[in-house]
Each structure stands twice: as C-alpha cells, then as structure tokens.
PDB file of N, CA and C in Angstrom:
ATOM      1  N   MET A   1      -2.457  17.067  24.322  1.00  0.00           N
ATOM      2  CA  MET A   1      -1.468  16.322  23.633  1.00  0.00           C
ATOM      3  C   MET A   1      -1.574  14.853  23.791  1.00  0.00           C
ATOM      4  N   LYS A   2      -1.888  14.419  25.022  1.00  0.00           N
ATOM      5  CA  LYS A   2      -2.040  12.992  25.322  1.00  0.00           C
ATOM      6  C   LYS A   2      -3.275  12.424  24.543  1.00  0.00           C
ATOM      7  N   ALA A   3      -4.374  13.165  24.613  1.00  0.00           N
ATOM      8  CA  ALA A   3      -5.595  12.690  23.919  1.00  0.00           C
ATOM      9  C   ALA A   3      -5.345  12.656  22.433  1.00  0.00           C
ATOM     10  N   GLU A   4      -4.637  13.577  21.885  1.00  0.00           N
ATOM     11  CA  GLU A   4      -4.241  13.541  20.438  1.00  0.00           C
ATOM     12  C   GLU A   4      -3.439  12.380  20.085  1.00  0.00           C
ATOM     13  N   ARG A   5      -2.468  11.986  20.951  1.00  0.00           N
ATOM     14  CA  ARG A   5      -1.650  10.845  20.716  1.00  0.00           C
ATOM     15  C   ARG A   5      -2.450   9.536  20.857  1.00  0.00           C
ATOM     16  N   GLU A   6      -3.381   9.450  21.799  1.00  0.00           N
ATOM     17  CA  GLU A   6      -4.209   8.280  21.968  1.00  0.00           C
ATOM     18  C   GLU A   6      -5.141   8.129  20.725  1.00  0.00           C
ATOM     19  N   SER A   7      -5.654   9.233  20.223  1.00  0.00           N
ATOM     20  CA  SER A   7      -6.509   9.179  18.997  1.00  0.00           C
ATOM     21  C   SER A   7      -5.704   8.685  17.819  1.00  0.00           C
ATOM     22  N   LEU A   8      -4.528   9.171  17.662  1.00  0.00           N
ATOM     23  CA  LEU A   8      -3.696   8.714  16.552  1.00  0.00           C
ATOM     24  C   LEU A   8      -3.387   7.254  16.696  1.00  0.00           C
ATOM     25  N   GLN A   9      -3.070   6.745  17.915  1.00  0.00           N
ATOM     26  CA  GLN A   9      -2.823   5.344  18.071  1.00  0.00           C
ATOM     27  C   GLN A   9      -4.064   4.478  17.791  1.00  0.00           C
ATOM     28  N   SER A  10      -5.275   4.939  18.127  1.00  0.00           N
ATOM     29  CA  SER A  10      -6.456   4.181  17.953  1.00  0.00           C
ATOM     30  C   SER A  10      -6.736   4.079  16.457  1.00  0.00           C
ATOM     31  N   ASN A  11      -6.379   5.149  15.685  1.00  0.00           N
ATOM     32  CA  ASN A  11      -6.581   5.129  14.157  1.00  0.00           C
ATOM     33  C   ASN A  11      -5.667   4.134  13.536  1.00  0.00           C
ATOM     34  N   LEU A  12      -4.623   3.685  14.157  1.00  0.00           N
ATOM     35  CA  LEU A  12      -3.648   2.735  13.553  1.00  0.00           C
ATOM     36  C   LEU A  12      -4.052   1.291  13.770  1.00  0.00           C
ATOM     37  N   LEU A  13      -4.936   1.073  14.769  1.00  0.00           N
ATOM     38  CA  LEU A  13      -5.334  -0.283  15.101  1.00  0.00           C
ATOM     39  C   LEU A  13      -6.395  -0.733  14.012  1.00  0.00           C
ATOM     40  N   PRO A  14      -6.312  -2.030  13.658  1.00  0.00           N
ATOM     41  CA  PRO A  14      -7.292  -2.535  12.691  1.00  0.00           C
ATOM     42  C   PRO A  14      -8.687  -2.569  13.307  1.00  0.00           C
ATOM     43  N   PRO A  15      -9.735  -2.260  12.545  1.00  0.00           N
ATOM     44  CA  PRO A  15     -11.041  -2.363  13.054  1.00  0.00           C
ATOM     45  C   PRO A  15     -11.401  -3.823  13.419  1.00  0.00           C
ATOM     46  N   PRO A  16     -12.503  -4.102  14.138  1.00  0.00           N
ATOM     47  CA  PRO A  16     -12.917  -5.396  14.495  1.00  0.00           C
ATOM     48  C   PRO A  16     -13.024  -6.405  13.280  1.00  0.00           C
ATOM     49  N   THR A  17     -13.281  -5.882  12.105  1.00  0.00           N
ATOM     50  CA  THR A  17     -13.445  -6.768  10.964  1.00  0.00           C
ATOM     51  C   THR A  17     -12.089  -7.255  10.473  1.00  0.00           C
ATOM     52  N   GLY A  18     -11.035  -6.701  10.948  1.00  0.00           N
ATOM     53  CA  GLY A  18      -9.654  -7.106  10.544  1.00  0.00           C
ATOM     54  C   GLY A  18      -9.212  -6.401   9.277  1.00  0.00           C
ATOM     55  N   GLU A  19     -10.021  -5.595   8.708  1.00  0.00           N
ATOM     56  CA  GLU A  19      -9.648  -4.873   7.494  1.00  0.00           C
ATOM     57  C   GLU A  19      -8.721  -3.691   7.875  1.00  0.00           C
ATOM     58  N   LEU A  20      -7.660  -3.485   7.109  1.00  0.00           N
ATOM     59  CA  LEU A  20      -6.720  -2.388   7.367  1.00  0.00           C
ATOM     60  C   LEU A  20      -7.375  -1.037   7.124  1.00  0.00           C
ATOM     61  N   LEU A  21      -7.071  -0.050   7.935  1.00  0.00           N
ATOM     62  CA  LEU A  21      -7.533   1.255   7.733  1.00  0.00           C
ATOM     63  C   LEU A  21      -6.621   2.068   6.798  1.00  0.00           C
ATOM     64  N   HIS A  22      -5.359   1.650   6.712  1.00  0.00           N
ATOM     65  CA  HIS A  22      -4.425   2.310   5.832  1.00  0.00           C
ATOM     66  C   HIS A  22      -3.339   1.338   5.444  1.00  0.00           C
ATOM     67  N   ARG A  23      -2.679   1.670   4.360  1.00  0.00           N
ATOM     68  CA  ARG A  23      -1.488   0.940   3.942  1.00  0.00           C
ATOM     69  C   ARG A  23      -0.416   1.971   3.611  1.00  0.00           C
ATOM     70  N   SER A  24       0.811   1.720   3.970  1.00  0.00           N
ATOM     71  CA  SER A  24       1.886   2.584   3.700  1.00  0.00           C
ATOM     72  C   SER A  24       2.986   1.869   2.919  1.00  0.00           C
ATOM     73  N   TYR A  25       3.408   2.537   1.911  1.00  0.00           N
ATOM     74  CA  TYR A  25       4.411   1.965   0.959  1.00  0.00           C
ATOM     75  C   TYR A  25       5.577   2.975   0.751  1.00  0.00           C
ATOM     76  N   LEU A  26       6.713   2.435   0.554  1.00  0.00           N
ATOM     77  CA  LEU A  26       7.811   3.218   0.025  1.00  0.00           C
ATOM     78  C   LEU A  26       7.848   2.989  -1.494  1.00  0.00           C
ATOM     79  N   LEU A  27       7.715   4.087  -2.246  1.00  0.00           N
ATOM     80  CA  LEU A  27       7.619   3.984  -3.693  1.00  0.00           C
ATOM     81  C   LEU A  27       8.987   4.377  -4.292  1.00  0.00           C
ATOM     82  N   ARG A  28       9.450   3.522  -5.206  1.00  0.00           N
ATOM     83  CA  ARG A  28      10.647   3.764  -5.978  1.00  0.00           C
ATOM     84  C   ARG A  28      10.321   3.745  -7.480  1.00  0.00           C
ATOM     85  N   LEU A  29      10.744   4.792  -8.208  1.00  0.00           N
ATOM     86  CA  LEU A  29      10.587   4.889  -9.647  1.00  0.00           C
ATOM     87  C   LEU A  29      11.950   5.013 -10.312  1.00  0.00           C
ATOM     88  N   TRP A  30      12.141   4.359 -11.475  1.00  0.00           N
ATOM     89  CA  TRP A  30      13.356   4.497 -12.181  1.00  0.00           C
ATOM     90  C   TRP A  30      13.146   4.094 -13.664  1.00  0.00           C
ATOM     91  N   ARG A  31      14.137   4.512 -14.478  1.00  0.00           N
ATOM     92  CA  ARG A  31      14.148   4.114 -15.921  1.00  0.00           C
ATOM     93  C   ARG A  31      15.486   3.432 -16.104  1.00  0.00           C
ATOM     94  N   SER A  32      15.484   2.380 -16.988  1.00  0.00           N
ATOM     95  CA  SER A  32      16.703   1.655 -17.270  1.00  0.00           C
ATOM     96  C   SER A  32      17.547   2.469 -18.225  1.00  0.00           C
ATOM     97  N   ASN A  33      16.976   3.407 -19.046  1.00  0.00           N
ATOM     98  CA  ASN A  33      17.710   4.297 -19.854  1.00  0.00           C
ATOM     99  C   ASN A  33      16.865   5.557 -20.102  1.00  0.00           C
ATOM    100  N   VAL A  34      17.410   6.511 -20.820  1.00  0.00           N
ATOM    101  CA  VAL A  34      16.717   7.779 -21.078  1.00  0.00           C
ATOM    102  C   VAL A  34      15.366   7.580 -21.723  1.00  0.00           C
ATOM    103  N   ASN A  35      15.276   6.729 -22.667  1.00  0.00           N
ATOM    104  CA  ASN A  35      14.070   6.504 -23.446  1.00  0.00           C
ATOM    105  C   ASN A  35      13.206   5.374 -22.909  1.00  0.00           C
ATOM    106  N   GLY A  36      13.727   4.742 -21.802  1.00  0.00           N
ATOM    107  CA  GLY A  36      13.009   3.567 -21.262  1.00  0.00           C
ATOM    108  C   GLY A  36      11.745   3.843 -20.554  1.00  0.00           C
ATOM    109  N   GLU A  37      10.918   2.866 -20.429  1.00  0.00           N
ATOM    110  CA  GLU A  37       9.703   3.063 -19.656  1.00  0.00           C
ATOM    111  C   GLU A  37       9.979   3.090 -18.139  1.00  0.00           C
ATOM    112  N   TRP A  38       9.125   3.879 -17.465  1.00  0.00           N
ATOM    113  CA  TRP A  38       9.296   3.901 -15.994  1.00  0.00           C
ATOM    114  C   TRP A  38       8.908   2.516 -15.392  1.00  0.00           C
ATOM    115  N   ARG A  39       9.750   2.150 -14.478  1.00  0.00           N
ATOM    116  CA  ARG A  39       9.479   0.956 -13.678  1.00  0.00           C
ATOM    117  C   ARG A  39       9.321   1.398 -12.183  1.00  0.00           C
ATOM    118  N   ALA A  40       8.724   0.524 -11.437  1.00  0.00           N
ATOM    119  CA  ALA A  40       8.452   0.892 -10.057  1.00  0.00           C
ATOM    120  C   ALA A  40       8.556  -0.297  -9.071  1.00  0.00           C
ATOM    121  N   SER A  41       8.735   0.082  -7.837  1.00  0.00           N
ATOM    122  CA  SER A  41       8.572  -0.916  -6.809  1.00  0.00           C
ATOM    123  C   SER A  41       7.905  -0.269  -5.641  1.00  0.00           C
ATOM    124  N   LEU A  42       7.121  -1.047  -4.905  1.00  0.00           N
ATOM    125  CA  LEU A  42       6.490  -0.613  -3.672  1.00  0.00           C
ATOM    126  C   LEU A  42       6.912  -1.579  -2.601  1.00  0.00           C
ATOM    127  N   GLN A  43       7.343  -0.993  -1.486  1.00  0.00           N
ATOM    128  CA  GLN A  43       7.727  -1.811  -0.336  1.00  0.00           C
ATOM    129  C   GLN A  43       6.731  -1.464   0.843  1.00  0.00           C
ATOM    130  N   SER A  44       6.115  -2.463   1.346  1.00  0.00           N
ATOM    131  CA  SER A  44       5.171  -2.256   2.503  1.00  0.00           C
ATOM    132  C   SER A  44       5.911  -1.863   3.686  1.00  0.00           C
ATOM    133  N   VAL A  45       5.500  -0.742   4.307  1.00  0.00           N
ATOM    134  CA  VAL A  45       6.110  -0.272   5.488  1.00  0.00           C
ATOM    135  C   VAL A  45       5.782  -1.254   6.665  1.00  0.00           C
ATOM    136  N   GLN A  46       4.543  -1.837   6.630  1.00  0.00           N
ATOM    137  CA  GLN A  46       4.119  -2.738   7.698  1.00  0.00           C
ATOM    138  C   GLN A  46       4.867  -4.067   7.656  1.00  0.00           C
ATOM    139  N   SER A  47       4.955  -4.720   6.511  1.00  0.00           N
ATOM    140  CA  SER A  47       5.546  -6.011   6.440  1.00  0.00           C
ATOM    141  C   SER A  47       6.892  -6.137   5.779  1.00  0.00           C
ATOM    142  N   GLY A  48       7.340  -5.093   5.093  1.00  0.00           N
ATOM    143  CA  GLY A  48       8.613  -5.176   4.332  1.00  0.00           C
ATOM    144  C   GLY A  48       8.428  -5.924   3.008  1.00  0.00           C
ATOM    145  N   GLU A  49       7.249  -6.421   2.690  1.00  0.00           N
ATOM    146  CA  GLU A  49       7.048  -7.085   1.390  1.00  0.00           C
ATOM    147  C   GLU A  49       7.256  -6.118   0.257  1.00  0.00           C
ATOM    148  N   ARG A  50       7.923  -6.600  -0.808  1.00  0.00           N
ATOM    149  CA  ARG A  50       8.193  -5.721  -1.992  1.00  0.00           C
ATOM    150  C   ARG A  50       7.407  -6.206  -3.210  1.00  0.00           C
ATOM    151  N   HIS A  51       6.868  -5.281  -3.910  1.00  0.00           N
ATOM    152  CA  HIS A  51       6.148  -5.543  -5.221  1.00  0.00           C
ATOM    153  C   HIS A  51       6.889  -4.819  -6.295  1.00  0.00           C
ATOM    154  N   MET A  52       7.139  -5.513  -7.420  1.00  0.00           N
ATOM    155  CA  MET A  52       7.850  -4.947  -8.534  1.00  0.00           C
ATOM    156  C   MET A  52       6.891  -4.712  -9.719  1.00  0.00           C
ATOM    157  N   PHE A  53       7.084  -3.646 -10.435  1.00  0.00           N
ATOM    158  CA  PHE A  53       6.141  -3.342 -11.617  1.00  0.00           C
ATOM    159  C   PHE A  53       6.993  -2.939 -12.789  1.00  0.00           C
ATOM    160  N   ALA A  54       6.678  -3.547 -13.895  1.00  0.00           N
ATOM    161  CA  ALA A  54       7.370  -3.316 -15.192  1.00  0.00           C
ATOM    162  C   ALA A  54       6.941  -1.974 -15.820  1.00  0.00           C
ATOM    163  N   ASP A  55       5.809  -1.477 -15.390  1.00  0.00           N
ATOM    164  CA  ASP A  55       5.293  -0.157 -15.957  1.00  0.00           C
ATOM    165  C   ASP A  55       4.374   0.492 -14.988  1.00  0.00           C
ATOM    166  N   ILE A  56       4.063   1.756 -15.246  1.00  0.00           N
ATOM    167  CA  ILE A  56       3.211   2.552 -14.283  1.00  0.00           C
ATOM    168  C   ILE A  56       1.770   2.061 -14.328  1.00  0.00           C
ATOM    169  N   ASP A  57       1.248   1.508 -15.488  1.00  0.00           N
ATOM    170  CA  ASP A  57      -0.095   0.963 -15.503  1.00  0.00           C
ATOM    171  C   ASP A  57      -0.209  -0.193 -14.484  1.00  0.00           C
ATOM    172  N   SER A  58       0.784  -1.058 -14.377  1.00  0.00           N
ATOM    173  CA  SER A  58       0.724  -2.235 -13.471  1.00  0.00           C
ATOM    174  C   SER A  58       0.751  -1.750 -12.049  1.00  0.00           C
ATOM    175  N   LEU A  59       1.518  -0.688 -11.734  1.00  0.00           N
ATOM    176  CA  LEU A  59       1.543  -0.079 -10.466  1.00  0.00           C
ATOM    177  C   LEU A  59       0.169   0.469 -10.009  1.00  0.00           C
ATOM    178  N   LEU A  60      -0.413   1.199 -10.959  1.00  0.00           N
ATOM    179  CA  LEU A  60      -1.744   1.815 -10.681  1.00  0.00           C
ATOM    180  C   LEU A  60      -2.782   0.771 -10.494  1.00  0.00           C
ATOM    181  N   ALA A  61      -2.753  -0.289 -11.316  1.00  0.00           N
ATOM    182  CA  ALA A  61      -3.768  -1.393 -11.182  1.00  0.00           C
ATOM    183  C   ALA A  61      -3.597  -2.043  -9.726  1.00  0.00           C
ATOM    184  N   PHE A  62      -2.359  -2.218  -9.319  1.00  0.00           N
ATOM    185  CA  PHE A  62      -2.177  -2.822  -8.009  1.00  0.00           C
ATOM    186  C   PHE A  62      -2.755  -1.897  -6.911  1.00  0.00           C
ATOM    187  N   LEU A  63      -2.472  -0.624  -6.991  1.00  0.00           N
ATOM    188  CA  LEU A  63      -2.980   0.346  -5.983  1.00  0.00           C
ATOM    189  C   LEU A  63      -4.503   0.404  -5.995  1.00  0.00           C
ATOM    190  N   VAL A  64      -5.094   0.324  -7.138  1.00  0.00           N
ATOM    191  CA  VAL A  64      -6.581   0.292  -7.264  1.00  0.00           C
ATOM    192  C   VAL A  64      -7.028  -0.937  -6.526  1.00  0.00           C
ATOM    193  N   GLU A  65      -6.432  -2.092  -6.815  1.00  0.00           N
ATOM    194  CA  GLU A  65      -6.840  -3.377  -6.166  1.00  0.00           C
ATOM    195  C   GLU A  65      -6.732  -3.284  -4.699  1.00  0.00           C
ATOM    196  N   GLN A  66      -5.654  -2.735  -4.216  1.00  0.00           N
ATOM    197  CA  GLN A  66      -5.406  -2.579  -2.757  1.00  0.00           C
ATOM    198  C   GLN A  66      -6.453  -1.701  -2.036  1.00  0.00           C
ATOM    199  N   SER A  67      -6.947  -0.765  -2.774  1.00  0.00           N
ATOM    200  CA  SER A  67      -7.875   0.205  -2.176  1.00  0.00           C
ATOM    201  C   SER A  67      -9.337  -0.313  -2.190  1.00  0.00           C
ATOM    202  N   GLN A  68      -9.604  -1.481  -2.744  1.00  0.00           N
ATOM    203  CA  GLN A  68     -10.935  -2.067  -2.782  1.00  0.00           C
ATOM    204  C   GLN A  68     -11.235  -2.732  -1.416  1.00  0.00           C
ATOM    205  N   PRO A  69     -12.486  -2.741  -0.998  1.00  0.00           N
ATOM    206  CA  PRO A  69     -12.804  -3.431   0.225  1.00  0.00           C
ATOM    207  C   PRO A  69     -12.450  -4.894   0.073  1.00  0.00           C
ATOM    208  N   GLN A  70     -12.018  -5.500   1.221  1.00  0.00           N
ATOM    209  CA  GLN A  70     -11.719  -6.912   1.249  1.00  0.00           C
ATOM    210  C   GLN A  70     -12.967  -7.696   0.996  1.00  0.00           C
ATOM    211  N   ARG A  71     -12.914  -8.680   0.111  1.00  0.00           N
ATOM    212  CA  ARG A  71     -13.970  -9.614  -0.108  1.00  0.00           C
ATOM    213  C   ARG A  71     -13.838 -10.804   0.823  1.00  0.00           C
ATOM    214  N   ARG A  72     -14.884 -11.192   1.400  1.00  0.00           N
ATOM    215  CA  ARG A  72     -14.879 -12.353   2.328  1.00  0.00           C
ATOM    216  C   ARG A  72     -15.658 -13.506   1.723  1.00  0.00           C
ATOM    217  N   GLY A  73     -15.094 -14.700   1.884  1.00  0.00           N
ATOM    218  CA  GLY A  73     -15.733 -15.905   1.425  1.00  0.00           C
ATOM    219  C   GLY A  73     -16.914 -16.293   2.360  1.00  0.00           C
ATOM    220  N   ASN A  74     -17.699 -17.249   2.014  1.00  0.00           N
ATOM    221  CA  ASN A  74     -18.819 -17.696   2.831  1.00  0.00           C
ATOM    222  C   ASN A  74     -18.440 -18.914   3.638  1.00  0.00           C
ATOM    223  N   GLY A  75     -17.115 -19.059   3.882  1.00  0.00           N
ATOM    224  CA  GLY A  75     -16.738 -20.183   4.785  1.00  0.00           C
ATOM    225  C   GLY A  75     -15.769 -20.938   4.163  1.00  0.00           C
TER     226      GLY A  75
END
C-alpha cells in the first residue's frame, strides 16, 4: 500500500522539463433555454482558474490546445 501511494504521488509531480503530466478540470454545461446552444465552463482544479465557452466547439478547441506538447522558445 505504501509503495502504491508513493507511486501515485510521484506521478503527480511535474517532470524535470516542467511540463504537466495531467490537467484536471471541473466541467459545467448548461443551456440558457430549451432551444439554446450548450455553453460550458472549465475550472482548473490546480489553480482555480475558470475558462468560459459560448459553445461546445470552443470548449473542444481549448481542450485540444491544452493536450498539445508545450512549445518552448529559443531564449
């Protein structure tokens, strides 16, 4: 059990490159009326930062962007 807990904790630490291994969000979906378009918000579990989306396509585009490897500048 102890080794399992230590393994889980080590998976939560960022790798030496500083890139996150995972991101966790609280997702909220709602409609302003019965025929309205779905709206969404994501709240980061790590930072509490909230992102608002006017439609599902915007939400999905954000998630795709977040799943891409971080690009680093040359200085």
